[in-house]
N, C-alpha and C. Protein backbone atom coordinates (compact mmCIF):
# COMPACT_ATOMS: atom_id res chain seq x y z
N MET A 1 66.02 87.40 -144.74
CA MET A 1 65.73 86.18 -145.44
C MET A 1 64.98 85.27 -144.47
N THR A 2 63.90 84.73 -144.90
CA THR A 2 63.14 83.85 -144.03
C THR A 2 63.64 82.42 -144.18
N GLU A 3 63.35 81.63 -143.17
CA GLU A 3 63.81 80.24 -143.19
C GLU A 3 63.24 79.49 -144.39
N ASN A 4 62.01 79.81 -144.78
CA ASN A 4 61.37 79.11 -145.89
C ASN A 4 62.00 79.41 -147.24
N SER A 5 62.77 80.49 -147.34
CA SER A 5 63.35 80.83 -148.63
C SER A 5 64.66 80.07 -148.89
N TYR A 6 65.17 79.34 -147.91
CA TYR A 6 66.38 78.57 -148.11
C TYR A 6 66.07 77.30 -148.90
N PRO A 7 67.05 76.80 -149.63
CA PRO A 7 66.84 75.58 -150.39
C PRO A 7 66.45 74.40 -149.51
N LYS A 8 65.56 73.57 -149.99
CA LYS A 8 65.08 72.42 -149.22
C LYS A 8 66.14 71.35 -149.04
N ALA A 9 67.13 71.30 -149.91
CA ALA A 9 68.15 70.26 -149.84
C ALA A 9 69.27 70.60 -148.86
N SER A 10 69.11 71.63 -148.05
CA SER A 10 70.19 72.08 -147.18
C SER A 10 70.66 71.00 -146.21
N TRP A 11 69.76 70.13 -145.77
CA TRP A 11 70.19 69.08 -144.84
C TRP A 11 71.20 68.14 -145.49
N ASN A 12 71.11 67.92 -146.78
CA ASN A 12 72.07 67.06 -147.46
C ASN A 12 73.47 67.66 -147.43
N ILE A 13 73.55 68.95 -147.63
CA ILE A 13 74.84 69.62 -147.64
C ILE A 13 75.39 69.70 -146.23
N SER A 14 74.56 70.05 -145.25
CA SER A 14 75.05 70.18 -143.88
C SER A 14 75.49 68.83 -143.33
N PHE A 15 74.94 67.75 -143.82
CA PHE A 15 75.31 66.41 -143.36
C PHE A 15 76.76 66.07 -143.72
N ILE A 16 77.23 66.56 -144.88
CA ILE A 16 78.58 66.20 -145.31
C ILE A 16 79.66 67.16 -144.81
N ILE A 17 79.28 68.31 -144.26
CA ILE A 17 80.26 69.30 -143.81
C ILE A 17 81.21 68.74 -142.74
N PRO A 18 80.73 68.02 -141.72
CA PRO A 18 81.68 67.44 -140.76
C PRO A 18 82.65 66.44 -141.41
N ILE A 19 82.18 65.74 -142.42
CA ILE A 19 83.05 64.79 -143.14
C ILE A 19 84.12 65.55 -143.90
N ILE A 20 83.71 66.63 -144.58
CA ILE A 20 84.67 67.47 -145.29
C ILE A 20 85.67 68.08 -144.31
N GLY A 21 85.16 68.52 -143.15
CA GLY A 21 86.04 69.07 -142.12
C GLY A 21 87.08 68.06 -141.67
N PHE A 22 86.67 66.81 -141.46
CA PHE A 22 87.60 65.76 -141.07
C PHE A 22 88.65 65.53 -142.15
N ILE A 23 88.21 65.49 -143.39
CA ILE A 23 89.14 65.30 -144.51
C ILE A 23 90.13 66.47 -144.58
N ASN A 24 89.61 67.70 -144.43
CA ASN A 24 90.49 68.87 -144.47
C ASN A 24 91.52 68.84 -143.33
N LYS A 25 91.08 68.44 -142.14
CA LYS A 25 92.00 68.36 -141.00
C LYS A 25 93.11 67.35 -141.28
N THR A 26 92.80 66.31 -142.03
CA THR A 26 93.79 65.29 -142.37
C THR A 26 94.72 65.78 -143.48
N ILE A 27 94.15 66.34 -144.54
CA ILE A 27 94.95 66.77 -145.69
C ILE A 27 95.91 67.90 -145.32
N VAL A 28 95.45 68.82 -144.48
CA VAL A 28 96.29 69.97 -144.14
C VAL A 28 97.57 69.55 -143.41
N LYS A 29 97.60 68.35 -142.86
CA LYS A 29 98.78 67.84 -142.15
C LYS A 29 99.85 67.28 -143.09
N ILE A 30 99.50 67.05 -144.36
CA ILE A 30 100.46 66.49 -145.31
C ILE A 30 101.57 67.54 -145.54
N PRO A 31 102.82 67.17 -145.27
CA PRO A 31 103.90 68.14 -145.43
C PRO A 31 103.99 68.71 -146.84
N PHE A 32 104.25 69.97 -146.92
CA PHE A 32 104.49 70.73 -148.14
C PHE A 32 103.24 70.94 -149.00
N ILE A 33 102.55 69.88 -149.38
CA ILE A 33 101.47 70.05 -150.35
C ILE A 33 100.06 70.12 -149.75
N GLY A 34 99.88 69.67 -148.53
CA GLY A 34 98.55 69.62 -147.94
C GLY A 34 97.85 70.96 -147.89
N ARG A 35 98.53 71.93 -147.29
CA ARG A 35 97.94 73.28 -147.16
C ARG A 35 97.75 73.93 -148.53
N ILE A 36 98.72 73.76 -149.41
CA ILE A 36 98.64 74.36 -150.75
C ILE A 36 97.46 73.77 -151.52
N LEU A 37 97.31 72.46 -151.45
CA LEU A 37 96.22 71.77 -152.13
C LEU A 37 94.86 72.26 -151.64
N LEU A 38 94.69 72.32 -150.32
CA LEU A 38 93.41 72.79 -149.75
C LEU A 38 93.17 74.24 -150.05
N SER A 39 94.20 75.05 -149.96
CA SER A 39 94.06 76.47 -150.24
C SER A 39 93.56 76.70 -151.66
N PHE A 40 94.19 76.04 -152.61
CA PHE A 40 93.80 76.18 -154.01
C PHE A 40 92.37 75.72 -154.24
N SER A 41 92.03 74.55 -153.73
CA SER A 41 90.68 74.02 -153.97
C SER A 41 89.61 74.87 -153.29
N ASN A 42 89.88 75.35 -152.06
CA ASN A 42 88.89 76.19 -151.37
C ASN A 42 88.71 77.53 -152.06
N LYS A 43 89.79 78.11 -152.56
CA LYS A 43 89.67 79.37 -153.29
C LYS A 43 88.82 79.19 -154.55
N MET A 44 89.06 78.10 -155.26
CA MET A 44 88.29 77.84 -156.49
C MET A 44 86.81 77.60 -156.18
N ILE A 45 86.53 76.83 -155.16
CA ILE A 45 85.15 76.56 -154.79
C ILE A 45 84.45 77.85 -154.39
N GLY A 46 85.14 78.70 -153.63
CA GLY A 46 84.58 79.99 -153.23
C GLY A 46 84.28 80.88 -154.42
N GLN A 47 85.06 80.75 -155.48
CA GLN A 47 84.84 81.55 -156.68
C GLN A 47 83.61 81.09 -157.47
N ILE A 48 83.34 79.79 -157.47
CA ILE A 48 82.24 79.30 -158.31
C ILE A 48 80.90 79.16 -157.59
N ILE A 49 80.90 79.12 -156.26
CA ILE A 49 79.65 78.93 -155.53
C ILE A 49 78.56 79.93 -155.91
N PRO A 50 78.88 81.23 -156.07
CA PRO A 50 77.79 82.17 -156.41
C PRO A 50 77.05 81.83 -157.72
N TYR A 51 77.65 81.01 -158.54
CA TYR A 51 77.00 80.63 -159.80
C TYR A 51 76.05 79.44 -159.64
N PHE A 52 76.00 78.86 -158.44
CA PHE A 52 75.07 77.76 -158.18
C PHE A 52 73.71 78.32 -157.80
N THR A 53 73.07 78.94 -158.76
CA THR A 53 71.78 79.60 -158.50
C THR A 53 70.70 78.60 -158.11
N PHE A 54 70.84 77.35 -158.51
CA PHE A 54 69.86 76.34 -158.15
C PHE A 54 69.85 76.06 -156.65
N LEU A 55 70.91 76.48 -155.94
CA LEU A 55 70.97 76.35 -154.49
C LEU A 55 70.47 77.60 -153.78
N GLY A 56 70.14 78.63 -154.55
CA GLY A 56 69.63 79.87 -153.97
C GLY A 56 70.59 81.03 -154.01
N PHE A 57 71.79 80.84 -154.56
CA PHE A 57 72.77 81.91 -154.63
C PHE A 57 72.43 82.90 -155.74
N ARG A 58 72.91 84.11 -155.57
CA ARG A 58 72.76 85.16 -156.59
C ARG A 58 74.14 85.46 -157.14
N LYS A 59 74.26 85.49 -158.48
CA LYS A 59 75.59 85.62 -159.06
C LYS A 59 76.03 87.06 -159.33
N THR A 60 75.14 88.04 -159.25
CA THR A 60 75.53 89.42 -159.46
C THR A 60 76.26 89.93 -158.22
N ALA A 61 77.40 90.59 -158.43
CA ALA A 61 78.24 91.05 -157.31
C ALA A 61 77.77 92.40 -156.78
N THR A 62 77.05 92.37 -155.66
CA THR A 62 76.65 93.58 -154.93
C THR A 62 76.78 93.27 -153.45
N TYR A 63 76.83 94.31 -152.64
CA TYR A 63 76.91 94.11 -151.19
C TYR A 63 75.69 93.33 -150.70
N GLU A 64 74.51 93.69 -151.19
CA GLU A 64 73.28 93.01 -150.77
C GLU A 64 73.30 91.54 -151.16
N ASN A 65 73.81 91.23 -152.34
CA ASN A 65 73.90 89.84 -152.76
C ASN A 65 74.97 89.08 -151.98
N ALA A 66 76.01 89.77 -151.56
CA ALA A 66 77.03 89.13 -150.72
C ALA A 66 76.41 88.70 -149.39
N ILE A 67 75.60 89.59 -148.80
CA ILE A 67 74.89 89.26 -147.56
C ILE A 67 73.97 88.07 -147.81
N TRP A 68 73.19 88.14 -148.87
CA TRP A 68 72.26 87.06 -149.23
C TRP A 68 73.01 85.73 -149.38
N ASN A 69 74.08 85.75 -150.20
CA ASN A 69 74.83 84.52 -150.47
C ASN A 69 75.49 83.97 -149.21
N TRP A 70 75.99 84.86 -148.36
CA TRP A 70 76.62 84.40 -147.13
C TRP A 70 75.59 83.72 -146.22
N GLU A 71 74.40 84.27 -146.14
CA GLU A 71 73.37 83.67 -145.30
C GLU A 71 72.84 82.37 -145.90
N VAL A 72 72.74 82.30 -147.21
CA VAL A 72 72.36 81.03 -147.85
C VAL A 72 73.43 79.98 -147.57
N PHE A 73 74.69 80.37 -147.71
CA PHE A 73 75.80 79.45 -147.45
C PHE A 73 75.78 78.95 -146.01
N LEU A 74 75.62 79.87 -145.06
CA LEU A 74 75.57 79.47 -143.65
C LEU A 74 74.43 78.50 -143.39
N SER A 75 73.31 78.74 -144.05
CA SER A 75 72.16 77.84 -143.91
C SER A 75 72.47 76.47 -144.51
N LEU A 76 73.08 76.46 -145.68
CA LEU A 76 73.38 75.20 -146.36
C LEU A 76 74.36 74.33 -145.58
N ILE A 77 75.30 74.95 -144.90
CA ILE A 77 76.29 74.16 -144.14
C ILE A 77 75.81 73.87 -142.73
N GLY A 78 74.63 74.35 -142.38
CA GLY A 78 74.06 74.04 -141.08
C GLY A 78 74.64 74.83 -139.92
N ALA A 79 75.13 76.03 -140.21
CA ALA A 79 75.73 76.86 -139.16
C ALA A 79 74.65 77.44 -138.25
N GLN A 80 74.92 77.43 -136.96
CA GLN A 80 74.06 78.09 -135.97
C GLN A 80 74.68 79.47 -135.75
N TYR A 81 73.95 80.52 -136.13
CA TYR A 81 74.53 81.85 -136.08
C TYR A 81 73.50 82.91 -135.75
N SER A 82 74.01 84.07 -135.39
CA SER A 82 73.16 85.26 -135.28
C SER A 82 73.84 86.34 -136.10
N ALA A 83 73.05 87.28 -136.57
CA ALA A 83 73.57 88.37 -137.40
C ALA A 83 73.08 89.70 -136.85
N GLU A 84 73.96 90.68 -136.90
CA GLU A 84 73.61 92.02 -136.43
C GLU A 84 74.14 93.04 -137.43
N LYS A 85 73.24 93.89 -137.90
CA LYS A 85 73.65 94.94 -138.82
C LYS A 85 74.20 96.09 -138.00
N ILE A 86 75.47 96.37 -138.15
CA ILE A 86 76.16 97.41 -137.39
C ILE A 86 75.98 98.77 -138.07
N SER A 87 76.04 98.76 -139.38
CA SER A 87 75.88 99.98 -140.18
C SER A 87 75.37 99.56 -141.55
N PRO A 88 75.03 100.52 -142.40
CA PRO A 88 74.58 100.13 -143.74
C PRO A 88 75.64 99.38 -144.55
N ASP A 89 76.90 99.50 -144.12
CA ASP A 89 78.00 98.88 -144.86
C ASP A 89 78.66 97.71 -144.13
N ARG A 90 78.07 97.26 -143.01
CA ARG A 90 78.71 96.20 -142.22
C ARG A 90 77.65 95.37 -141.50
N LYS A 91 77.81 94.04 -141.60
CA LYS A 91 76.97 93.12 -140.86
C LYS A 91 77.89 92.13 -140.16
N VAL A 92 77.62 91.89 -138.89
CA VAL A 92 78.48 91.01 -138.09
C VAL A 92 77.75 89.69 -137.83
N TYR A 93 78.45 88.59 -138.05
CA TYR A 93 77.90 87.26 -137.84
C TYR A 93 78.65 86.59 -136.70
N THR A 94 77.90 86.06 -135.76
CA THR A 94 78.47 85.27 -134.68
C THR A 94 78.03 83.83 -134.93
N ILE A 95 79.00 82.96 -135.14
CA ILE A 95 78.71 81.56 -135.41
C ILE A 95 79.03 80.80 -134.12
N PHE A 96 78.04 80.09 -133.61
CA PHE A 96 78.14 79.50 -132.28
C PHE A 96 78.81 78.13 -132.25
N LYS A 97 78.76 77.42 -133.36
CA LYS A 97 79.37 76.09 -133.42
C LYS A 97 79.93 75.89 -134.82
N CYS A 98 81.15 75.44 -134.90
CA CYS A 98 81.78 75.25 -136.22
C CYS A 98 81.17 74.04 -136.91
N PRO A 99 80.53 74.24 -138.06
CA PRO A 99 79.94 73.11 -138.79
C PRO A 99 80.97 72.06 -139.23
N ALA A 100 82.21 72.50 -139.47
CA ALA A 100 83.25 71.58 -139.92
C ALA A 100 83.97 70.89 -138.77
N GLY A 101 83.72 71.32 -137.55
CA GLY A 101 84.32 70.68 -136.39
C GLY A 101 85.71 71.18 -136.02
N TYR A 102 86.05 72.39 -136.44
CA TYR A 102 87.35 72.96 -136.09
C TYR A 102 87.26 73.62 -134.71
N CYS A 103 87.43 72.84 -133.67
CA CYS A 103 87.19 73.33 -132.30
C CYS A 103 88.45 73.41 -131.46
N GLN A 104 89.52 72.79 -131.88
CA GLN A 104 90.73 72.74 -131.06
C GLN A 104 91.86 73.51 -131.74
N LYS A 105 92.83 73.93 -130.95
CA LYS A 105 93.94 74.73 -131.49
C LYS A 105 94.68 74.00 -132.60
N ARG A 106 94.71 72.68 -132.53
CA ARG A 106 95.41 71.92 -133.58
C ARG A 106 94.67 71.96 -134.92
N HIS A 107 93.45 72.48 -134.92
CA HIS A 107 92.65 72.60 -136.15
C HIS A 107 92.79 73.97 -136.79
N LEU A 108 93.65 74.84 -136.25
CA LEU A 108 93.75 76.21 -136.72
C LEU A 108 94.13 76.30 -138.20
N ASN A 109 95.08 75.49 -138.66
CA ASN A 109 95.47 75.54 -140.07
C ASN A 109 94.31 75.14 -140.99
N ALA A 110 93.58 74.11 -140.63
CA ALA A 110 92.42 73.70 -141.43
C ALA A 110 91.37 74.80 -141.44
N CYS A 111 91.18 75.45 -140.31
CA CYS A 111 90.22 76.56 -140.20
C CYS A 111 90.61 77.70 -141.13
N LYS A 112 91.87 78.09 -141.08
CA LYS A 112 92.34 79.21 -141.91
C LYS A 112 92.17 78.91 -143.40
N VAL A 113 92.51 77.70 -143.79
CA VAL A 113 92.40 77.32 -145.20
C VAL A 113 90.93 77.28 -145.63
N THR A 114 90.07 76.77 -144.77
CA THR A 114 88.65 76.73 -145.09
C THR A 114 88.06 78.13 -145.18
N MET A 115 88.55 79.04 -144.37
CA MET A 115 88.07 80.43 -144.41
C MET A 115 88.41 81.10 -145.74
N GLU A 116 89.36 80.55 -146.49
CA GLU A 116 89.65 81.08 -147.82
C GLU A 116 88.46 80.86 -148.75
N LEU A 117 87.77 79.73 -148.58
CA LEU A 117 86.54 79.49 -149.34
C LEU A 117 85.51 80.56 -148.97
N ASP A 118 85.31 80.77 -147.67
CA ASP A 118 84.33 81.74 -147.20
C ASP A 118 84.65 83.13 -147.73
N SER A 119 85.91 83.52 -147.61
CA SER A 119 86.35 84.84 -148.04
C SER A 119 86.14 85.04 -149.54
N ASN A 120 86.47 84.02 -150.33
CA ASN A 120 86.30 84.13 -151.78
C ASN A 120 84.83 84.14 -152.19
N LEU A 121 84.01 83.40 -151.48
CA LEU A 121 82.57 83.42 -151.75
C LEU A 121 82.02 84.84 -151.56
N VAL A 122 82.35 85.45 -150.43
CA VAL A 122 81.84 86.80 -150.14
C VAL A 122 82.45 87.81 -151.11
N LYS A 123 83.73 87.67 -151.41
CA LYS A 123 84.40 88.60 -152.34
C LYS A 123 83.78 88.52 -153.73
N ARG A 124 83.58 87.31 -154.22
CA ARG A 124 82.98 87.12 -155.55
C ARG A 124 81.54 87.64 -155.58
N SER A 125 80.90 87.65 -154.42
CA SER A 125 79.51 88.11 -154.33
C SER A 125 79.40 89.62 -154.19
N GLY A 126 80.52 90.34 -153.93
CA GLY A 126 80.49 91.79 -153.92
C GLY A 126 80.81 92.47 -152.61
N ALA A 127 81.44 91.78 -151.67
CA ALA A 127 81.79 92.39 -150.38
C ALA A 127 83.12 91.81 -149.90
N LYS A 128 83.44 92.07 -148.65
CA LYS A 128 84.67 91.57 -148.07
C LYS A 128 84.35 90.90 -146.74
N LEU A 129 84.98 89.77 -146.47
CA LEU A 129 84.79 89.05 -145.21
C LEU A 129 86.03 89.24 -144.35
N ILE A 130 85.81 89.71 -143.13
CA ILE A 130 86.89 89.86 -142.17
C ILE A 130 86.59 88.96 -140.98
N VAL A 131 87.54 88.10 -140.66
CA VAL A 131 87.37 87.18 -139.54
C VAL A 131 87.99 87.84 -138.30
N GLU A 132 87.15 88.09 -137.31
CA GLU A 132 87.61 88.71 -136.07
C GLU A 132 88.09 87.66 -135.07
N LYS A 133 87.32 86.58 -134.94
CA LYS A 133 87.67 85.50 -134.01
C LYS A 133 87.43 84.17 -134.70
N ARG A 134 88.20 83.16 -134.28
CA ARG A 134 88.09 81.81 -134.84
C ARG A 134 87.88 80.80 -133.73
N PHE A 135 87.17 79.73 -134.04
CA PHE A 135 86.91 78.68 -133.05
C PHE A 135 88.17 78.10 -132.42
N PRO A 136 89.17 77.69 -133.22
CA PRO A 136 90.31 77.02 -132.60
C PRO A 136 91.06 77.88 -131.56
N THR A 137 91.06 79.19 -131.73
CA THR A 137 91.80 80.04 -130.79
C THR A 137 90.90 80.79 -129.82
N ASP A 138 89.67 81.09 -130.22
CA ASP A 138 88.80 81.94 -129.40
C ASP A 138 87.54 81.24 -128.89
N GLY A 139 87.23 80.06 -129.41
CA GLY A 139 86.04 79.32 -128.95
C GLY A 139 84.74 79.81 -129.56
N ILE A 140 84.82 80.82 -130.41
CA ILE A 140 83.64 81.35 -131.10
C ILE A 140 84.14 81.94 -132.42
N CYS A 141 83.27 82.06 -133.38
CA CYS A 141 83.66 82.62 -134.67
C CYS A 141 82.86 83.91 -134.89
N ILE A 142 83.56 85.00 -135.08
CA ILE A 142 82.92 86.28 -135.38
C ILE A 142 83.48 86.78 -136.70
N GLU A 143 82.57 87.03 -137.63
CA GLU A 143 82.97 87.45 -138.97
C GLU A 143 82.17 88.68 -139.38
N HIS A 144 82.83 89.59 -140.08
CA HIS A 144 82.21 90.81 -140.56
C HIS A 144 82.12 90.76 -142.08
N VAL A 145 80.96 91.03 -142.61
CA VAL A 145 80.81 91.22 -144.06
C VAL A 145 80.68 92.72 -144.25
N ILE A 146 81.63 93.30 -144.99
CA ILE A 146 81.64 94.75 -145.18
C ILE A 146 81.60 95.08 -146.67
N ARG A 147 81.02 96.22 -146.95
CA ARG A 147 80.96 96.70 -148.34
C ARG A 147 82.37 97.00 -148.79
N SER A 148 82.73 96.53 -149.98
CA SER A 148 84.11 96.76 -150.46
C SER A 148 84.16 97.92 -151.42
């Protein structure tokens, strides 16, 4: 995917991601309901994102569309990443800086809940997302998109 094929409005979305990250870090601390609330909302958002074709997503569930949608999503949220195709059924993404600002160990719960959105987006698009490393614990984020 070339840089020019990404939606032009991506800067608007990437601008609000740190704000959403801050809100998530706050909500996840609410006893009993915080994590449940975020988990539910992130799962639902991950399910519907592929239908936002006006942002460049493809709604048909295939491995190729999962790769496409994941890269569009990473672009929209302003992620700095590299991608390496390991095999025809696996692509590994290294994300160098967390767009939501989950950088410290105390942000681990917010990170995990937010990854539910990512996982559901890729799953709904036709693949599976496996998180190998996370920013709060490892200082880098490594994720695998694999054919399901």
